[in-house]
Amino acid sequence: VINIWKGVPSVVNPMLAGATKRKTDVLDAQLLAIHDLTGIWRESNIPSSDVQQLRMLIAERDQFHKSAIRISNRINNDLLKLGYTIGRDGSVMLVGKVRELLEDELSDNPCPNADYRPQGGIPEDVRILFRENLEKLDQNLAKMSKYEKLIASKAKSMSWETGNGVLSGKEMICLLSSVPGVGEWTSIIWLSLVITPRRFPNEKALAAYCGLDPSLKISAKKVTSTRKRGGNKQLHTILNRSASRLMSHHSEPFGQWGFNIYNQTGRWKKGTNAVARRLAVAL
């Protein structure tokens, strides 16, 4: 709708734009007209056509990823129903050893005297079920890989705005990947959602957009509690994953700092949120 209207768009939370007890269409129209004439709201950042295309490709890739996870979990659940506990080492999708053991069980000549095999093994009547699920899993993983290549190619071919001008996608991704714990995929997701840091007044506003700037409840000049505000869930998730990896290894300053917070408080999530916020500022 915004693209059809064109002009200078300002997308505003209605709780802020119409904070009044009386609410009618006429009053809303008058209030919005006054806001427009006075210029109280700044122009909203609207994604370009290239960014929209990139987001569409990422959304399609995510659908195949979710489907692959569902199939992998279904295979592990079915194995458990038959008495197999090989799924405790990981999923069929992520752990190659588990996949090899399952394929061996489905073969005509499985490994004899395997200690993980329950009595009777996988019944012949349900083997087709496992074979079809493995085939579906491979199809989803192949499509996911295909879209990841398209996404990387698209992001690298685009130009991205920075504080000092414009950089090519290849240079920008290389620059963002230099941040500890941040890889190429995280950099691409960051670019597709943030687009340019210049649309935020400061790094605190950007951290809030990522859901990493909690509201503080202060009593007698002391912080008594915190409450996480809403933000972009996708950005929040990928930054927390990167932070968790850094803390797990804690071989680098960001990770060491977050791991110290965990040791002091006993709360892993508090450490990951703190490190994720620093990652957002660094990016």
C-alpha atoms as a PDB file:
ATOM      1  CA  VAL A   1       0.000   0.000   0.000  1.00  0.00           C
ATOM      2  CA  ILE A   2       2.857   2.394   0.825  1.00  0.00           C
ATOM      3  CA  ASN A   3       4.499   1.674  -2.533  1.00  0.00           C
ATOM      4  CA  ILE A   4       1.213   2.436  -4.334  1.00  0.00           C
ATOM      5  CA  TRP A   5       0.646   5.715  -2.462  1.00  0.00           C
ATOM      6  CA  LYS A   6       4.265   6.831  -2.954  1.00  0.00           C
ATOM      7  CA  GLY A   7       4.966  10.254  -1.449  1.00  0.00           C
ATOM      8  CA  VAL A   8       6.862  10.544   1.856  1.00  0.00           C
ATOM      9  CA  PRO A   9       5.652   7.758   4.180  1.00  0.00           C
ATOM     10  CA  SER A  10       5.633   7.917   7.986  1.00  0.00           C
ATOM     11  CA  VAL A  11       4.618   4.668   9.646  1.00  0.00           C
ATOM     12  CA  VAL A  12       3.687   5.452  13.261  1.00  0.00           C
ATOM     13  CA  ASN A  13       2.420   3.373  16.167  1.00  0.00           C
ATOM     14  CA  PRO A  14      -1.292   4.342  16.578  1.00  0.00           C
ATOM     15  CA  MET A  15      -0.814   4.387  20.370  1.00  0.00           C
ATOM     16  CA  LEU A  16       1.535   7.338  19.827  1.00  0.00           C
ATOM     17  CA  ALA A  17      -0.238   9.043  16.942  1.00  0.00           C
ATOM     18  CA  GLY A  18      -3.743   8.948  18.444  1.00  0.00           C
ATOM     19  CA  ALA A  19      -3.250   9.059  22.217  1.00  0.00           C
ATOM     20  CA  THR A  20      -6.720  10.380  23.093  1.00  0.00           C
ATOM     21  CA  LYS A  21      -9.773   9.066  24.899  1.00  0.00           C
ATOM     22  CA  ARG A  22     -12.178  10.095  22.155  1.00  0.00           C
ATOM     23  CA  LYS A  23     -11.632   8.175  18.946  1.00  0.00           C
ATOM     24  CA  THR A  24     -13.515   8.741  15.697  1.00  0.00           C
ATOM     25  CA  ASP A  25     -12.474   8.706  12.054  1.00  0.00           C
ATOM     26  CA  VAL A  26     -12.921  12.495  11.828  1.00  0.00           C
ATOM     27  CA  LEU A  27     -10.723  13.184  14.878  1.00  0.00           C
ATOM     28  CA  ASP A  28      -8.092  10.719  13.611  1.00  0.00           C
ATOM     29  CA  ALA A  29      -8.038  12.413  10.195  1.00  0.00           C
ATOM     30  CA  GLN A  30      -7.688  15.870  11.764  1.00  0.00           C
ATOM     31  CA  LEU A  31      -4.914  14.725  14.090  1.00  0.00           C
ATOM     32  CA  LEU A  32      -2.971  13.052  11.270  1.00  0.00           C
ATOM     33  CA  ALA A  33      -3.367  16.156   9.109  1.00  0.00           C
ATOM     34  CA  ILE A  34      -1.955  18.345  11.923  1.00  0.00           C
ATOM     35  CA  HIS A  35       0.930  15.903  12.404  1.00  0.00           C
ATOM     36  CA  ASP A  36       1.691  16.028   8.687  1.00  0.00           C
ATOM     37  CA  LEU A  37       1.599  19.839   8.533  1.00  0.00           C
ATOM     38  CA  THR A  38       3.836  20.227  11.586  1.00  0.00           C
ATOM     39  CA  GLY A  39       6.232  17.456  10.466  1.00  0.00           C
ATOM     40  CA  ILE A  40       6.229  15.803  13.887  1.00  0.00           C
ATOM     41  CA  TRP A  41       7.043  12.361  12.505  1.00  0.00           C
ATOM     42  CA  ARG A  42      10.153  11.736  10.458  1.00  0.00           C
ATOM     43  CA  GLU A  43      10.129   9.781   7.206  1.00  0.00           C
ATOM     44  CA  SER A  44      10.049   6.003   7.617  1.00  0.00           C
ATOM     45  CA  ASN A  45      12.637   3.822   5.940  1.00  0.00           C
ATOM     46  CA  ILE A  46      10.972   1.703   3.246  1.00  0.00           C
ATOM     47  CA  PRO A  47      12.953  -1.277   1.868  1.00  0.00           C
ATOM     48  CA  SER A  48      13.999  -1.049  -1.746  1.00  0.00           C
ATOM     49  CA  SER A  49      12.908  -3.585  -4.353  1.00  0.00           C
ATOM     50  CA  ASP A  50      16.258  -5.418  -4.099  1.00  0.00           C
ATOM     51  CA  VAL A  51      15.975  -5.697  -0.311  1.00  0.00           C
ATOM     52  CA  GLN A  52      12.399  -6.993  -0.609  1.00  0.00           C
ATOM     53  CA  GLN A  53      13.577  -9.627  -3.078  1.00  0.00           C
ATOM     54  CA  LEU A  54      16.393 -10.634  -0.711  1.00  0.00           C
ATOM     55  CA  ARG A  55      13.924 -10.972   2.166  1.00  0.00           C
ATOM     56  CA  MET A  56      11.616 -13.114   0.031  1.00  0.00           C
ATOM     57  CA  LEU A  57      14.482 -15.484  -0.804  1.00  0.00           C
ATOM     58  CA  ILE A  58      15.474 -15.703   2.876  1.00  0.00           C
ATOM     59  CA  ALA A  59      11.861 -16.441   3.895  1.00  0.00           C
ATOM     60  CA  GLU A  60      11.660 -19.258   1.330  1.00  0.00           C
ATOM     61  CA  ARG A  61      14.963 -20.716   2.535  1.00  0.00           C
ATOM     62  CA  ASP A  62      13.697 -20.598   6.129  1.00  0.00           C
ATOM     63  CA  GLN A  63      10.578 -22.558   5.148  1.00  0.00           C
ATOM     64  CA  PHE A  64      12.704 -25.397   3.741  1.00  0.00           C
ATOM     65  CA  HIS A  65      14.898 -25.277   6.856  1.00  0.00           C
ATOM     66  CA  LYS A  66      11.882 -25.582   9.172  1.00  0.00           C
ATOM     67  CA  SER A  67      10.486 -28.422   7.075  1.00  0.00           C
ATOM     68  CA  ALA A  68      13.821 -30.275   7.256  1.00  0.00           C
ATOM     69  CA  ILE A  69      13.887 -29.889  11.048  1.00  0.00           C
ATOM     70  CA  ARG A  70      10.333 -31.265  11.337  1.00  0.00           C
ATOM     71  CA  ILE A  71      11.194 -34.312   9.215  1.00  0.00           C
ATOM     72  CA  SER A  72      14.412 -34.916  11.162  1.00  0.00           C
ATOM     73  CA  ASN A  73      12.526 -34.765  14.477  1.00  0.00           C
ATOM     74  CA  ARG A  74       9.884 -37.142  13.121  1.00  0.00           C
ATOM     75  CA  ILE A  75      12.572 -39.670  12.172  1.00  0.00           C
ATOM     76  CA  ASN A  76      14.137 -39.461  15.650  1.00  0.00           C
ATOM     77  CA  ASN A  77      10.721 -39.887  17.300  1.00  0.00           C
ATOM     78  CA  ASP A  78       9.899 -42.924  15.152  1.00  0.00           C
ATOM     79  CA  LEU A  79      13.267 -44.506  15.993  1.00  0.00           C
ATOM     80  CA  LEU A  80      12.585 -44.003  19.689  1.00  0.00           C
ATOM     81  CA  LYS A  81       9.209 -45.730  19.360  1.00  0.00           C
ATOM     82  CA  LEU A  82      11.031 -48.790  18.001  1.00  0.00           C
ATOM     83  CA  GLY A  83      13.521 -48.787  20.890  1.00  0.00           C
ATOM     84  CA  TYR A  84      16.457 -47.071  19.152  1.00  0.00           C
ATOM     85  CA  THR A  85      18.312 -44.502  21.244  1.00  0.00           C
ATOM     86  CA  ILE A  86      20.838 -43.401  18.619  1.00  0.00           C
ATOM     87  CA  GLY A  87      18.982 -40.071  18.459  1.00  0.00           C
ATOM     88  CA  ARG A  88      20.495 -39.073  21.803  1.00  0.00           C
ATOM     89  CA  ASP A  89      23.737 -38.267  19.952  1.00  0.00           C
ATOM     90  CA  GLY A  90      21.921 -35.717  17.788  1.00  0.00           C
ATOM     91  CA  SER A  91      19.469 -35.452  14.923  1.00  0.00           C
ATOM     92  CA  VAL A  92      19.680 -37.263  11.604  1.00  0.00           C
ATOM     93  CA  MET A  93      19.931 -33.868   9.924  1.00  0.00           C
ATOM     94  CA  LEU A  94      22.918 -32.532  11.868  1.00  0.00           C
ATOM     95  CA  VAL A  95      24.978 -35.545  12.983  1.00  0.00           C
ATOM     96  CA  GLY A  96      26.493 -37.645  10.198  1.00  0.00           C
ATOM     97  CA  LYS A  97      27.120 -40.617  12.483  1.00  0.00           C
ATOM     98  CA  VAL A  98      23.421 -40.950  13.342  1.00  0.00           C
ATOM     99  CA  ARG A  99      22.541 -40.776   9.648  1.00  0.00           C
ATOM    100  CA  GLU A 100      25.085 -43.514   8.846  1.00  0.00           C
ATOM    101  CA  LEU A 101      23.701 -45.811  11.570  1.00  0.00           C
ATOM    102  CA  LEU A 102      20.145 -45.350  10.290  1.00  0.00           C
ATOM    103  CA  GLU A 103      21.134 -46.022   6.676  1.00  0.00           C
ATOM    104  CA  ASP A 104      22.975 -49.148   7.821  1.00  0.00           C
ATOM    105  CA  GLU A 105      19.832 -50.350   9.647  1.00  0.00           C
ATOM    106  CA  LEU A 106      17.761 -49.786   6.499  1.00  0.00           C
ATOM    107  CA  SER A 107      20.215 -51.673   4.266  1.00  0.00           C
ATOM    108  CA  ASP A 108      19.828 -55.309   3.238  1.00  0.00           C
ATOM    109  CA  ASN A 109      22.899 -56.333   5.253  1.00  0.00           C
ATOM    110  CA  PRO A 110      23.024 -54.294   8.481  1.00  0.00           C
ATOM    111  CA  CYS A 111      26.013 -54.527  10.780  1.00  0.00           C
ATOM    112  CA  PRO A 112      25.649 -57.707  12.890  1.00  0.00           C
ATOM    113  CA  ASN A 113      25.594 -57.606  16.706  1.00  0.00           C
ATOM    114  CA  ALA A 114      25.204 -53.822  16.933  1.00  0.00           C
ATOM    115  CA  ASP A 115      24.767 -52.881  20.599  1.00  0.00           C
ATOM    116  CA  TYR A 116      22.369 -50.016  19.770  1.00  0.00           C
ATOM    117  CA  ARG A 117      19.909 -52.295  17.918  1.00  0.00           C
ATOM    118  CA  PRO A 118      16.804 -53.420  19.842  1.00  0.00           C
ATOM    119  CA  GLN A 119      15.440 -56.913  19.365  1.00  0.00           C
ATOM    120  CA  GLY A 120      14.123 -57.353  15.847  1.00  0.00           C
ATOM    121  CA  GLY A 121      15.584 -54.091  14.482  1.00  0.00           C
ATOM    122  CA  ILE A 122      13.463 -51.948  12.169  1.00  0.00           C
ATOM    123  CA  PRO A 123      10.417 -53.982  10.983  1.00  0.00           C
ATOM    124  CA  GLU A 124      10.163 -54.476   7.239  1.00  0.00           C
ATOM    125  CA  ASP A 125       6.688 -52.911   7.133  1.00  0.00           C
ATOM    126  CA  VAL A 126       7.913 -49.482   8.316  1.00  0.00           C
ATOM    127  CA  ARG A 127      11.250 -49.331   6.521  1.00  0.00           C
ATOM    128  CA  ILE A 128       9.588 -47.595   3.592  1.00  0.00           C
ATOM    129  CA  LEU A 129       8.485 -44.870   6.015  1.00  0.00           C
ATOM    130  CA  PHE A 130      12.073 -44.124   7.064  1.00  0.00           C
ATOM    131  CA  ARG A 131      13.351 -44.267   3.476  1.00  0.00           C
ATOM    132  CA  GLU A 132      10.712 -41.787   2.270  1.00  0.00           C
ATOM    133  CA  ASN A 133      11.371 -39.422   5.186  1.00  0.00           C
ATOM    134  CA  LEU A 134      15.114 -39.504   4.480  1.00  0.00           C
ATOM    135  CA  GLU A 135      14.391 -38.730   0.838  1.00  0.00           C
ATOM    136  CA  LYS A 136      12.165 -35.778   1.830  1.00  0.00           C
ATOM    137  CA  LEU A 137      14.867 -34.566   4.214  1.00  0.00           C
ATOM    138  CA  ASP A 138      17.483 -34.627   1.450  1.00  0.00           C
ATOM    139  CA  GLN A 139      15.157 -32.753  -0.910  1.00  0.00           C
ATOM    140  CA  ASN A 140      14.553 -29.983   1.627  1.00  0.00           C
ATOM    141  CA  LEU A 141      18.262 -29.707   2.444  1.00  0.00           C
ATOM    142  CA  ALA A 142      19.101 -29.505  -1.267  1.00  0.00           C
ATOM    143  CA  LYS A 143      16.530 -26.743  -1.834  1.00  0.00           C
ATOM    144  CA  MET A 144      17.763 -24.925   1.264  1.00  0.00           C
ATOM    145  CA  SER A 145      21.341 -25.050  -0.027  1.00  0.00           C
ATOM    146  CA  LYS A 146      20.182 -23.810  -3.431  1.00  0.00           C
ATOM    147  CA  TYR A 147      18.439 -20.782  -1.916  1.00  0.00           C
ATOM    148  CA  GLU A 148      21.418 -20.009   0.328  1.00  0.00           C
ATOM    149  CA  LYS A 149      23.601 -19.707  -2.779  1.00  0.00           C
ATOM    150  CA  LEU A 150      21.014 -17.445  -4.453  1.00  0.00           C
ATOM    151  CA  ILE A 151      20.776 -15.298  -1.314  1.00  0.00           C
ATOM    152  CA  ALA A 152      24.559 -14.937  -0.981  1.00  0.00           C
ATOM    153  CA  SER A 153      24.873 -14.045  -4.672  1.00  0.00           C
ATOM    154  CA  LYS A 154      22.060 -11.478  -4.426  1.00  0.00           C
ATOM    155  CA  ALA A 155      23.451  -9.825  -1.262  1.00  0.00           C
ATOM    156  CA  LYS A 156      26.975  -9.602  -2.700  1.00  0.00           C
ATOM    157  CA  SER A 157      25.743  -8.052  -5.960  1.00  0.00           C
ATOM    158  CA  MET A 158      23.926  -5.218  -4.154  1.00  0.00           C
ATOM    159  CA  SER A 159      25.332  -1.910  -2.862  1.00  0.00           C
ATOM    160  CA  TRP A 160      24.919  -1.100   0.835  1.00  0.00           C
ATOM    161  CA  GLU A 161      24.941   2.308   2.504  1.00  0.00           C
ATOM    162  CA  THR A 162      27.303   2.968   5.412  1.00  0.00           C
ATOM    163  CA  GLY A 163      28.147   5.982   7.537  1.00  0.00           C
ATOM    164  CA  ASN A 164      30.888   6.990   5.078  1.00  0.00           C
ATOM    165  CA  GLY A 165      29.252   6.251   1.737  1.00  0.00           C
ATOM    166  CA  VAL A 166      28.408   3.077  -0.160  1.00  0.00           C
ATOM    167  CA  LEU A 167      30.131  -0.315  -0.234  1.00  0.00           C
ATOM    168  CA  SER A 168      29.624  -3.330  -2.457  1.00  0.00           C
ATOM    169  CA  GLY A 169      27.894  -6.327  -0.915  1.00  0.00           C
ATOM    170  CA  LYS A 170      31.068  -8.398  -1.064  1.00  0.00           C
ATOM    171  CA  GLU A 171      33.066  -5.772   0.848  1.00  0.00           C
ATOM    172  CA  MET A 172      30.269  -5.190   3.349  1.00  0.00           C
ATOM    173  CA  ILE A 173      29.821  -8.892   4.172  1.00  0.00           C
ATOM    174  CA  CYS A 174      33.592  -9.295   4.551  1.00  0.00           C
ATOM    175  CA  LEU A 175      33.656  -6.300   6.908  1.00  0.00           C
ATOM    176  CA  LEU A 176      30.726  -7.510   9.038  1.00  0.00           C
ATOM    177  CA  SER A 177      32.167 -11.045   9.194  1.00  0.00           C
ATOM    178  CA  SER A 178      35.251  -9.632  10.921  1.00  0.00           C
ATOM    179  CA  VAL A 179      33.135  -9.129  14.066  1.00  0.00           C
ATOM    180  CA  PRO A 180      33.781 -12.037  16.499  1.00  0.00           C
ATOM    181  CA  GLY A 181      31.209 -14.816  16.264  1.00  0.00           C
ATOM    182  CA  VAL A 182      29.599 -13.375  13.112  1.00  0.00           C
ATOM    183  CA  GLY A 183      29.745 -15.354   9.875  1.00  0.00           C
ATOM    184  CA  GLU A 184      28.569 -14.754   6.327  1.00  0.00           C
ATOM    185  CA  TRP A 185      24.988 -15.918   6.921  1.00  0.00           C
ATOM    186  CA  THR A 186      24.540 -13.728  10.019  1.00  0.00           C
ATOM    187  CA  SER A 187      25.957 -10.773   8.064  1.00  0.00           C
ATOM    188  CA  ILE A 188      23.442 -11.304   5.249  1.00  0.00           C
ATOM    189  CA  ILE A 189      20.497 -11.529   7.655  1.00  0.00           C
ATOM    190  CA  TRP A 190      21.749  -8.367   9.376  1.00  0.00           C
ATOM    191  CA  LEU A 191      21.963  -6.469   6.073  1.00  0.00           C
ATOM    192  CA  SER A 192      18.530  -7.622   4.875  1.00  0.00           C
ATOM    193  CA  LEU A 193      16.820  -6.407   8.069  1.00  0.00           C
ATOM    194  CA  VAL A 194      18.889  -3.397   9.171  1.00  0.00           C
ATOM    195  CA  ILE A 195      19.655  -2.258   5.574  1.00  0.00           C
ATOM    196  CA  THR A 196      21.645   0.759   6.777  1.00  0.00           C
ATOM    197  CA  PRO A 197      22.583   1.835  10.318  1.00  0.00           C
ATOM    198  CA  ARG A 198      22.064   5.453   9.277  1.00  0.00           C
ATOM    199  CA  ARG A 199      18.303   5.067   9.653  1.00  0.00           C
ATOM    200  CA  PHE A 200      18.787   4.844  13.431  1.00  0.00           C
ATOM    201  CA  PRO A 201      19.751   7.915  15.493  1.00  0.00           C
ATOM    202  CA  ASN A 202      22.311   5.984  17.564  1.00  0.00           C
ATOM    203  CA  GLU A 203      23.498   2.491  18.482  1.00  0.00           C
ATOM    204  CA  LYS A 204      21.086   2.309  21.425  1.00  0.00           C
ATOM    205  CA  ALA A 205      18.108   2.666  19.066  1.00  0.00           C
ATOM    206  CA  LEU A 206      19.567  -0.058  16.846  1.00  0.00           C
ATOM    207  CA  ALA A 207      20.011  -2.365  19.855  1.00  0.00           C
ATOM    208  CA  ALA A 208      16.365  -1.702  20.768  1.00  0.00           C
ATOM    209  CA  TYR A 209      15.342  -2.690  17.215  1.00  0.00           C
ATOM    210  CA  CYS A 210      17.139  -6.009  17.824  1.00  0.00           C
ATOM    211  CA  GLY A 211      15.237  -6.502  21.101  1.00  0.00           C
ATOM    212  CA  LEU A 212      18.431  -6.073  23.131  1.00  0.00           C
ATOM    213  CA  ASP A 213      17.697  -2.874  25.052  1.00  0.00           C
ATOM    214  CA  PRO A 214      15.549  -3.863  28.073  1.00  0.00           C
ATOM    215  CA  SER A 215      13.417  -1.469  30.071  1.00  0.00           C
ATOM    216  CA  LEU A 216      14.811  -0.950  33.573  1.00  0.00           C
ATOM    217  CA  LYS A 217      12.776  -0.691  36.757  1.00  0.00           C
ATOM    218  CA  ILE A 218      14.706   1.561  39.143  1.00  0.00           C
ATOM    219  CA  SER A 219      14.004   1.998  42.822  1.00  0.00           C
ATOM    220  CA  ALA A 220      16.212   4.117  45.127  1.00  0.00           C
ATOM    221  CA  LYS A 221      18.692   4.572  42.258  1.00  0.00           C
ATOM    222  CA  LYS A 222      19.113   0.813  41.920  1.00  0.00           C
ATOM    223  CA  VAL A 223      17.973  -1.433  39.073  1.00  0.00           C
ATOM    224  CA  THR A 224      15.499  -3.880  40.639  1.00  0.00           C
ATOM    225  CA  SER A 225      14.354  -5.680  37.480  1.00  0.00           C
ATOM    226  CA  THR A 226      14.516  -5.618  33.706  1.00  0.00           C
ATOM    227  CA  ARG A 227      11.918  -6.323  31.076  1.00  0.00           C
ATOM    228  CA  LYS A 228      12.717  -7.184  27.482  1.00  0.00           C
ATOM    229  CA  ARG A 229      10.865  -5.052  24.986  1.00  0.00           C
ATOM    230  CA  GLY A 230       9.713  -6.173  21.593  1.00  0.00           C
ATOM    231  CA  GLY A 231      12.150  -6.145  18.704  1.00  0.00           C
ATOM    232  CA  ASN A 232      12.968  -7.988  15.525  1.00  0.00           C
ATOM    233  CA  LYS A 233      12.802 -11.665  16.521  1.00  0.00           C
ATOM    234  CA  GLN A 234      15.029 -12.872  13.683  1.00  0.00           C
ATOM    235  CA  LEU A 235      17.829 -10.435  14.538  1.00  0.00           C
ATOM    236  CA  HIS A 236      17.443 -11.176  18.248  1.00  0.00           C
ATOM    237  CA  THR A 237      17.770 -14.925  17.586  1.00  0.00           C
ATOM    238  CA  ILE A 238      20.836 -14.843  15.317  1.00  0.00           C
ATOM    239  CA  LEU A 239      22.715 -12.412  17.580  1.00  0.00           C
ATOM    240  CA  ASN A 240      21.981 -14.534  20.668  1.00  0.00           C
ATOM    241  CA  ARG A 241      23.194 -17.655  18.847  1.00  0.00           C
ATOM    242  CA  SER A 242      26.441 -15.914  17.937  1.00  0.00           C
ATOM    243  CA  ALA A 243      26.803 -14.722  21.534  1.00  0.00           C
ATOM    244  CA  SER A 244      26.166 -18.225  22.865  1.00  0.00           C
ATOM    245  CA  ARG A 245      28.908 -19.644  20.619  1.00  0.00           C
ATOM    246  CA  LEU A 246      31.361 -16.987  21.826  1.00  0.00           C
ATOM    247  CA  MET A 247      30.545 -17.732  25.462  1.00  0.00           C
ATOM    248  CA  SER A 248      30.831 -21.493  24.965  1.00  0.00           C
ATOM    249  CA  HIS A 249      34.414 -21.158  23.707  1.00  0.00           C
ATOM    250  CA  HIS A 250      35.231 -17.977  25.759  1.00  0.00           C
ATOM    251  CA  SER A 251      38.572 -17.743  23.960  1.00  0.00           C
ATOM    252  CA  GLU A 252      37.945 -14.163  22.805  1.00  0.00           C
ATOM    253  CA  PRO A 253      37.265 -10.924  24.804  1.00  0.00           C
ATOM    254  CA  PHE A 254      33.509 -10.750  24.047  1.00  0.00           C
ATOM    255  CA  GLY A 255      33.071 -14.402  24.994  1.00  0.00           C
ATOM    256  CA  GLN A 256      35.205 -14.073  28.127  1.00  0.00           C
ATOM    257  CA  TRP A 257      33.199 -11.042  29.256  1.00  0.00           C
ATOM    258  CA  GLY A 258      29.872 -12.854  28.755  1.00  0.00           C
ATOM    259  CA  PHE A 259      31.185 -16.012  30.440  1.00  0.00           C
ATOM    260  CA  ASN A 260      32.217 -13.928  33.471  1.00  0.00           C
ATOM    261  CA  ILE A 261      28.663 -12.562  33.693  1.00  0.00           C
ATOM    262  CA  TYR A 262      27.382 -16.153  33.626  1.00  0.00           C
ATOM    263  CA  ASN A 263      29.787 -17.168  36.416  1.00  0.00           C
ATOM    264  CA  GLN A 264      28.732 -14.202  38.552  1.00  0.00           C
ATOM    265  CA  THR A 265      24.967 -14.527  38.074  1.00  0.00           C
ATOM    266  CA  GLY A 266      24.501 -18.200  37.159  1.00  0.00           C
ATOM    267  CA  ARG A 267      22.269 -17.107  34.267  1.00  0.00           C
ATOM    268  CA  TRP A 268      23.450 -18.073  30.792  1.00  0.00           C
ATOM    269  CA  LYS A 269      20.700 -16.079  29.077  1.00  0.00           C
ATOM    270  CA  LYS A 270      21.736 -12.872  30.830  1.00  0.00           C
ATOM    271  CA  GLY A 271      25.266 -13.320  29.516  1.00  0.00           C
ATOM    272  CA  THR A 272      24.134 -14.049  25.943  1.00  0.00           C
ATOM    273  CA  ASN A 273      21.846 -10.993  25.891  1.00  0.00           C
ATOM    274  CA  ALA A 274      24.684  -8.766  27.107  1.00  0.00           C
ATOM    275  CA  VAL A 275      27.129 -10.120  24.502  1.00  0.00           C
ATOM    276  CA  ALA A 276      24.465  -9.951  21.759  1.00  0.00           C
ATOM    277  CA  ARG A 277      23.948  -6.267  22.511  1.00  0.00           C
ATOM    278  CA  ARG A 278      27.681  -5.632  22.144  1.00  0.00           C
ATOM    279  CA  LEU A 279      27.654  -7.539  18.853  1.00  0.00           C
ATOM    280  CA  ALA A 280      24.789  -5.343  17.608  1.00  0.00           C
ATOM    281  CA  VAL A 281      26.729  -2.193  18.502  1.00  0.00           C
ATOM    282  CA  ALA A 282      29.881  -3.568  16.862  1.00  0.00           C
ATOM    283  CA  LEU A 283      28.036  -4.451  13.661  1.00  0.00           C
END
